[in-house]
Each structure stands twice: as structure tokens, then as C-alpha cells.
Amino acid sequence: MPDRSEDLRREAARCREAAERTTDPNARDELIRLADKFLELARSATADFAAVLAAVTDMMKEDSEPPKKEE
């Protein structure tokens, strides 16, 4: 499964590189904003994955615990 956050970080880097090369100040500003948005999405994707992984881990722990005895 491809790592979405890595793809988003790669796109952010491409936007930053393009911003450094352009001579148009408006294009530079837009590319920097776009890079920032890609990085924000990358952090979100990483956080989402961590939350899902934690939930699955918790579910697996619950499934592997022996049933509680009724008193």
C-alpha cells in the first residue's frame, strides 16, 4: 500500500522547487501556499493512519483477552 503522506510531502517539495525557480511573484506565492496545503494534508494522513492503527490494535487486544468470569 503506497504511503499517502510521503506522496503528499513529495508534491510539497515539487511545489517549493517550482516556487524557487519562478520569477512571477504571484505564481511563487501560490506555489508556496499549495506546498503548505500538501504538507498539512500529509500530517493529517499520518495522524489518520496512526488513529486507525491504534483502534485496530485495541480491537485485536480485546479479541485476544480471555472472557471475564461472571461473579
PDB file of N, CA and C in Angstrom:
ATOM      1  N   MET A   1       0.847  -1.179   0.000  1.00  0.00           N
ATOM      2  CA  MET A   1       0.000   0.000   0.000  1.00  0.00           C
ATOM      3  C   MET A   1       0.891   1.239   0.000  1.00  0.00           C
ATOM      4  N   PRO A   2       0.701   2.145  -0.947  1.00  0.00           N
ATOM      5  CA  PRO A   2       1.549   3.336  -1.004  1.00  0.00           C
ATOM      6  C   PRO A   2       1.306   4.234   0.206  1.00  0.00           C
ATOM      7  N   ASP A   3       2.358   4.907   0.606  1.00  0.00           N
ATOM      8  CA  ASP A   3       2.271   5.817   1.740  1.00  0.00           C
ATOM      9  C   ASP A   3       1.794   7.178   1.241  1.00  0.00           C
ATOM     10  N   ARG A   4       0.546   7.472   1.506  1.00  0.00           N
ATOM     11  CA  ARG A   4      -0.059   8.714   1.024  1.00  0.00           C
ATOM     12  C   ARG A   4       0.667   9.940   1.551  1.00  0.00           C
ATOM     13  N   SER A   5       1.087   9.903   2.814  1.00  0.00           N
ATOM     14  CA  SER A   5       1.744  11.076   3.379  1.00  0.00           C
ATOM     15  C   SER A   5       3.078  11.359   2.679  1.00  0.00           C
ATOM     16  N   GLU A   6       3.789  10.302   2.279  1.00  0.00           N
ATOM     17  CA  GLU A   6       5.049  10.507   1.551  1.00  0.00           C
ATOM     18  C   GLU A   6       4.787  11.128   0.183  1.00  0.00           C
ATOM     19  N   ASP A   7       3.739  10.660  -0.498  1.00  0.00           N
ATOM     20  CA  ASP A   7       3.375  11.242  -1.796  1.00  0.00           C
ATOM     21  C   ASP A   7       3.052  12.726  -1.648  1.00  0.00           C
ATOM     22  N   LEU A   8       2.316  13.065  -0.610  1.00  0.00           N
ATOM     23  CA  LEU A   8       1.947  14.461  -0.384  1.00  0.00           C
ATOM     24  C   LEU A   8       3.176  15.319  -0.057  1.00  0.00           C
ATOM     25  N   ARG A   9       4.094  14.768   0.714  1.00  0.00           N
ATOM     26  CA  ARG A   9       5.337  15.504   1.019  1.00  0.00           C
ATOM     27  C   ARG A   9       6.177  15.713  -0.244  1.00  0.00           C
ATOM     28  N   ARG A  10       6.184  14.709  -1.097  1.00  0.00           N
ATOM     29  CA  ARG A  10       6.920  14.819  -2.360  1.00  0.00           C
ATOM     30  C   ARG A  10       6.322  15.931  -3.230  1.00  0.00           C
ATOM     31  N   GLU A  11       4.996  15.990  -3.284  1.00  0.00           N
ATOM     32  CA  GLU A  11       4.344  17.051  -4.056  1.00  0.00           C
ATOM     33  C   GLU A  11       4.640  18.429  -3.456  1.00  0.00           C
ATOM     34  N   ALA A  12       4.668  18.512  -2.147  1.00  0.00           N
ATOM     35  CA  ALA A  12       5.001  19.776  -1.487  1.00  0.00           C
ATOM     36  C   ALA A  12       6.409  20.219  -1.878  1.00  0.00           C
ATOM     37  N   ALA A  13       7.339  19.286  -1.905  1.00  0.00           N
ATOM     38  CA  ALA A  13       8.721  19.609  -2.285  1.00  0.00           C
ATOM     39  C   ALA A  13       8.786  20.083  -3.735  1.00  0.00           C
ATOM     40  N   ARG A  14       8.012  19.446  -4.605  1.00  0.00           N
ATOM     41  CA  ARG A  14       7.985  19.880  -6.016  1.00  0.00           C
ATOM     42  C   ARG A  14       7.444  21.299  -6.137  1.00  0.00           C
ATOM     43  N   CYS A  15       6.427  21.628  -5.361  1.00  0.00           N
ATOM     44  CA  CYS A  15       5.878  22.983  -5.385  1.00  0.00           C
ATOM     45  C   CYS A  15       6.910  23.996  -4.888  1.00  0.00           C
ATOM     46  N   ARG A  16       7.607  23.659  -3.816  1.00  0.00           N
ATOM     47  CA  ARG A  16       8.652  24.556  -3.283  1.00  0.00           C
ATOM     48  C   ARG A  16       9.759  24.773  -4.317  1.00  0.00           C
ATOM     49  N   GLU A  17      10.177  23.713  -4.987  1.00  0.00           N
ATOM     50  CA  GLU A  17      11.215  23.836  -6.008  1.00  0.00           C
ATOM     51  C   GLU A  17      10.745  24.734  -7.149  1.00  0.00           C
ATOM     52  N   ALA A  18       9.504  24.543  -7.567  1.00  0.00           N
ATOM     53  CA  ALA A  18       8.959  25.377  -8.642  1.00  0.00           C
ATOM     54  C   ALA A  18       8.862  26.830  -8.184  1.00  0.00           C
ATOM     55  N   ALA A  19       8.510  27.043  -6.932  1.00  0.00           N
ATOM     56  CA  ALA A  19       8.419  28.410  -6.399  1.00  0.00           C
ATOM     57  C   ALA A  19       9.783  29.090  -6.417  1.00  0.00           C
ATOM     58  N   GLU A  20      10.828  28.338  -6.155  1.00  0.00           N
ATOM     59  CA  GLU A  20      12.183  28.902  -6.165  1.00  0.00           C
ATOM     60  C   GLU A  20      12.630  29.269  -7.582  1.00  0.00           C
ATOM     61  N   ARG A  21      12.127  28.537  -8.573  1.00  0.00           N
ATOM     62  CA  ARG A  21      12.555  28.771  -9.959  1.00  0.00           C
ATOM     63  C   ARG A  21      11.774  29.875 -10.659  1.00  0.00           C
ATOM     64  N   THR A  22      10.551  30.112 -10.241  1.00  0.00           N
ATOM     65  CA  THR A  22       9.715  31.068 -10.970  1.00  0.00           C
ATOM     66  C   THR A  22      10.123  32.513 -10.674  1.00  0.00           C
ATOM     67  N   THR A  23       9.910  33.361 -11.665  1.00  0.00           N
ATOM     68  CA  THR A  23      10.186  34.790 -11.472  1.00  0.00           C
ATOM     69  C   THR A  23       8.899  35.568 -11.221  1.00  0.00           C
ATOM     70  N   ASP A  24       7.764  34.906 -11.357  1.00  0.00           N
ATOM     71  CA  ASP A  24       6.462  35.548 -11.145  1.00  0.00           C
ATOM     72  C   ASP A  24       6.117  35.505  -9.654  1.00  0.00           C
ATOM     73  N   PRO A  25       6.033  36.666  -8.991  1.00  0.00           N
ATOM     74  CA  PRO A  25       5.757  36.675  -7.553  1.00  0.00           C
ATOM     75  C   PRO A  25       4.392  36.071  -7.193  1.00  0.00           C
ATOM     76  N   ASN A  26       3.397  36.272  -8.046  1.00  0.00           N
ATOM     77  CA  ASN A  26       2.072  35.693  -7.768  1.00  0.00           C
ATOM     78  C   ASN A  26       2.111  34.176  -7.857  1.00  0.00           C
ATOM     79  N   ALA A  27       2.789  33.657  -8.870  1.00  0.00           N
ATOM     80  CA  ALA A  27       2.918  32.206  -9.013  1.00  0.00           C
ATOM     81  C   ALA A  27       3.711  31.638  -7.838  1.00  0.00           C
ATOM     82  N   ARG A  28       4.759  32.348  -7.424  1.00  0.00           N
ATOM     83  CA  ARG A  28       5.571  31.890  -6.288  1.00  0.00           C
ATOM     84  C   ARG A  28       4.712  31.790  -5.027  1.00  0.00           C
ATOM     85  N   ASP A  29       3.939  32.831  -4.754  1.00  0.00           N
ATOM     86  CA  ASP A  29       3.072  32.811  -3.569  1.00  0.00           C
ATOM     87  C   ASP A  29       2.069  31.660  -3.619  1.00  0.00           C
ATOM     88  N   GLU A  30       1.491  31.446  -4.787  1.00  0.00           N
ATOM     89  CA  GLU A  30       0.501  30.367  -4.935  1.00  0.00           C
ATOM     90  C   GLU A  30       1.154  28.998  -4.765  1.00  0.00           C
ATOM     91  N   LEU A  31       2.345  28.822  -5.317  1.00  0.00           N
ATOM     92  CA  LEU A  31       3.045  27.545  -5.174  1.00  0.00           C
ATOM     93  C   LEU A  31       3.423  27.285  -3.714  1.00  0.00           C
ATOM     94  N   ILE A  32       3.807  28.322  -2.998  1.00  0.00           N
ATOM     95  CA  ILE A  32       4.142  28.163  -1.577  1.00  0.00           C
ATOM     96  C   ILE A  32       2.894  27.805  -0.778  1.00  0.00           C
ATOM     97  N   ARG A  33       1.782  28.452  -1.088  1.00  0.00           N
ATOM     98  CA  ARG A  33       0.523  28.111  -0.408  1.00  0.00           C
ATOM     99  C   ARG A  33       0.127  26.669  -0.704  1.00  0.00           C
ATOM    100  N   LEU A  34       0.303  26.255  -1.952  1.00  0.00           N
ATOM    101  CA  LEU A  34      -0.027  24.886  -2.341  1.00  0.00           C
ATOM    102  C   LEU A  34       0.883  23.888  -1.612  1.00  0.00           C
ATOM    103  N   ALA A  35       2.165  24.199  -1.519  1.00  0.00           N
ATOM    104  CA  ALA A  35       3.102  23.334  -0.793  1.00  0.00           C
ATOM    105  C   ALA A  35       2.685  23.208   0.665  1.00  0.00           C
ATOM    106  N   ASP A  36       2.308  24.320   1.270  1.00  0.00           N
ATOM    107  CA  ASP A  36       1.865  24.294   2.665  1.00  0.00           C
ATOM    108  C   ASP A  36       0.620  23.419   2.833  1.00  0.00           C
ATOM    109  N   LYS A  37      -0.292  23.495   1.876  1.00  0.00           N
ATOM    110  CA  LYS A  37      -1.509  22.676   1.929  1.00  0.00           C
ATOM    111  C   LYS A  37      -1.167  21.180   1.794  1.00  0.00           C
ATOM    112  N   PHE A  38      -0.251  20.862   0.885  1.00  0.00           N
ATOM    113  CA  PHE A  38       0.182  19.469   0.752  1.00  0.00           C
ATOM    114  C   PHE A  38       0.780  18.957   2.060  1.00  0.00           C
ATOM    115  N   LEU A  39       1.596  19.783   2.723  1.00  0.00           N
ATOM    116  CA  LEU A  39       2.197  19.367   3.994  1.00  0.00           C
ATOM    117  C   LEU A  39       1.137  19.188   5.076  1.00  0.00           C
ATOM    118  N   GLU A  40       0.155  20.071   5.082  1.00  0.00           N
ATOM    119  CA  GLU A  40      -0.940  19.942   6.046  1.00  0.00           C
ATOM    120  C   GLU A  40      -1.691  18.628   5.824  1.00  0.00           C
ATOM    121  N   LEU A  41      -1.957  18.309   4.570  1.00  0.00           N
ATOM    122  CA  LEU A  41      -2.635  17.052   4.248  1.00  0.00           C
ATOM    123  C   LEU A  41      -1.769  15.846   4.615  1.00  0.00           C
ATOM    124  N   ALA A  42      -0.469  15.964   4.434  1.00  0.00           N
ATOM    125  CA  ALA A  42       0.443  14.866   4.788  1.00  0.00           C
ATOM    126  C   ALA A  42       0.406  14.605   6.287  1.00  0.00           C
ATOM    127  N   ARG A  43       0.423  15.667   7.077  1.00  0.00           N
ATOM    128  CA  ARG A  43       0.341  15.491   8.534  1.00  0.00           C
ATOM    129  C   ARG A  43      -0.991  14.868   8.919  1.00  0.00           C
ATOM    130  N   SER A  44      -2.048  15.279   8.279  1.00  0.00           N
ATOM    131  CA  SER A  44      -3.378  14.732   8.546  1.00  0.00           C
ATOM    132  C   SER A  44      -3.436  13.253   8.173  1.00  0.00           C
ATOM    133  N   ALA A  45      -2.868  12.897   7.027  1.00  0.00           N
ATOM    134  CA  ALA A  45      -2.875  11.499   6.593  1.00  0.00           C
ATOM    135  C   ALA A  45      -2.103  10.634   7.579  1.00  0.00           C
ATOM    136  N   THR A  46      -0.987  11.148   8.080  1.00  0.00           N
ATOM    137  CA  THR A  46      -0.194  10.404   9.056  1.00  0.00           C
ATOM    138  C   THR A  46      -0.972  10.232  10.344  1.00  0.00           C
ATOM    139  N   ALA A  47      -1.629  11.298  10.800  1.00  0.00           N
ATOM    140  CA  ALA A  47      -2.416  11.241  12.029  1.00  0.00           C
ATOM    141  C   ALA A  47      -3.590  10.286  11.870  1.00  0.00           C
ATOM    142  N   ASP A  48      -4.256  10.334  10.713  1.00  0.00           N
ATOM    143  CA  ASP A  48      -5.382   9.432  10.459  1.00  0.00           C
ATOM    144  C   ASP A  48      -4.922   7.981  10.496  1.00  0.00           C
ATOM    145  N   PHE A  49      -3.788   7.697   9.874  1.00  0.00           N
ATOM    146  CA  PHE A  49      -3.282   6.335   9.859  1.00  0.00           C
ATOM    147  C   PHE A  49      -2.948   5.874  11.271  1.00  0.00           C
ATOM    148  N   ALA A  50      -2.328   6.757  12.062  1.00  0.00           N
ATOM    149  CA  ALA A  50      -1.970   6.405  13.436  1.00  0.00           C
ATOM    150  C   ALA A  50      -3.219   6.102  14.260  1.00  0.00           C
ATOM    151  N   ALA A  51      -4.276   6.872  14.055  1.00  0.00           N
ATOM    152  CA  ALA A  51      -5.522   6.654  14.793  1.00  0.00           C
ATOM    153  C   ALA A  51      -6.153   5.316  14.406  1.00  0.00           C
ATOM    154  N   VAL A  52      -6.155   5.019  13.121  1.00  0.00           N
ATOM    155  CA  VAL A  52      -6.718   3.741  12.658  1.00  0.00           C
ATOM    156  C   VAL A  52      -5.894   2.583  13.199  1.00  0.00           C
ATOM    157  N   LEU A  53      -4.577   2.699  13.138  1.00  0.00           N
ATOM    158  CA  LEU A  53      -3.710   1.638  13.638  1.00  0.00           C
ATOM    159  C   LEU A  53      -3.935   1.401  15.132  1.00  0.00           C
ATOM    160  N   ALA A  54      -4.074   2.476  15.905  1.00  0.00           N
ATOM    161  CA  ALA A  54      -4.325   2.342  17.342  1.00  0.00           C
ATOM    162  C   ALA A  54      -5.666   1.649  17.595  1.00  0.00           C
ATOM    163  N   ALA A  55      -6.681   2.013  16.832  1.00  0.00           N
ATOM    164  CA  ALA A  55      -8.003   1.403  17.008  1.00  0.00           C
ATOM    165  C   ALA A  55      -7.961  -0.090  16.675  1.00  0.00           C
ATOM    166  N   VAL A  56      -7.277  -0.443  15.595  1.00  0.00           N
ATOM    167  CA  VAL A  56      -7.182  -1.857  15.211  1.00  0.00           C
ATOM    168  C   VAL A  56      -6.405  -2.635  16.270  1.00  0.00           C
ATOM    169  N   THR A  57      -5.333  -2.046  16.763  1.00  0.00           N
ATOM    170  CA  THR A  57      -4.539  -2.695  17.808  1.00  0.00           C
ATOM    171  C   THR A  57      -5.382  -2.933  19.050  1.00  0.00           C
ATOM    172  N   ASP A  58      -6.165  -1.947  19.449  1.00  0.00           N
ATOM    173  CA  ASP A  58      -7.049  -2.095  20.609  1.00  0.00           C
ATOM    174  C   ASP A  58      -8.072  -3.212  20.385  1.00  0.00           C
ATOM    175  N   MET A  59      -8.638  -3.249  19.188  1.00  0.00           N
ATOM    176  CA  MET A  59      -9.624  -4.289  18.885  1.00  0.00           C
ATOM    177  C   MET A  59      -8.984  -5.673  18.946  1.00  0.00           C
ATOM    178  N   MET A  60      -7.759  -5.778  18.452  1.00  0.00           N
ATOM    179  CA  MET A  60      -7.076  -7.069  18.475  1.00  0.00           C
ATOM    180  C   MET A  60      -6.770  -7.492  19.909  1.00  0.00           C
ATOM    181  N   LYS A  61      -6.426  -6.547  20.762  1.00  0.00           N
ATOM    182  CA  LYS A  61      -6.164  -6.857  22.166  1.00  0.00           C
ATOM    183  C   LYS A  61      -7.437  -7.364  22.832  1.00  0.00           C
ATOM    184  N   GLU A  62      -8.554  -6.691  22.559  1.00  0.00           N
ATOM    185  CA  GLU A  62      -9.831  -7.091  23.148  1.00  0.00           C
ATOM    186  C   GLU A  62     -10.218  -8.494  22.703  1.00  0.00           C
ATOM    187  N   ASP A  63      -9.977  -8.809  21.445  1.00  0.00           N
ATOM    188  CA  ASP A  63     -10.306 -10.142  20.916  1.00  0.00           C
ATOM    189  C   ASP A  63      -9.443 -11.238  21.510  1.00  0.00           C
ATOM    190  N   SER A  64      -8.226 -10.891  21.912  1.00  0.00           N
ATOM    191  CA  SER A  64      -7.317 -11.920  22.402  1.00  0.00           C
ATOM    192  C   SER A  64      -7.401 -12.105  23.919  1.00  0.00           C
ATOM    193  N   GLU A  65      -8.114 -11.221  24.606  1.00  0.00           N
ATOM    194  CA  GLU A  65      -8.254 -11.348  26.062  1.00  0.00           C
ATOM    195  C   GLU A  65      -9.269 -12.444  26.378  1.00  0.00           C
ATOM    196  N   PRO A  66      -8.975 -13.236  27.413  1.00  0.00           N
ATOM    197  CA  PRO A  66      -9.951 -14.273  27.794  1.00  0.00           C
ATOM    198  C   PRO A  66     -11.230 -13.616  28.323  1.00  0.00           C
ATOM    199  N   PRO A  67     -12.350 -14.283  28.169  1.00  0.00           N
ATOM    200  CA  PRO A  67     -13.611 -13.709  28.663  1.00  0.00           C
ATOM    201  C   PRO A  67     -13.562 -13.558  30.186  1.00  0.00           C
ATOM    202  N   LYS A  68     -14.204 -12.504  30.654  1.00  0.00           N
ATOM    203  CA  LYS A  68     -14.243 -12.262  32.107  1.00  0.00           C
ATOM    204  C   LYS A  68     -15.266 -13.201  32.738  1.00  0.00           C
ATOM    205  N   LYS A  69     -14.938 -13.697  33.926  1.00  0.00           N
ATOM    206  CA  LYS A  69     -15.849 -14.563  34.668  1.00  0.00           C
ATOM    207  C   LYS A  69     -16.912 -13.724  35.351  1.00  0.00           C
ATOM    208  N   GLU A  70     -18.116 -14.220  35.293  1.00  0.00           N
ATOM    209  CA  GLU A  70     -19.213 -13.545  35.991  1.00  0.00           C
ATOM    210  C   GLU A  70     -19.208 -13.981  37.437  1.00  0.00           C
ATOM    211  N   GLU A  71     -19.430 -13.056  38.323  1.00  0.00           N
ATOM    212  CA  GLU A  71     -19.449 -13.386  39.750  1.00  0.00           C
ATOM    213  C   GLU A  71     -20.849 -13.412  40.292  1.00  0.00           C
TER     214      GLU A  71
END
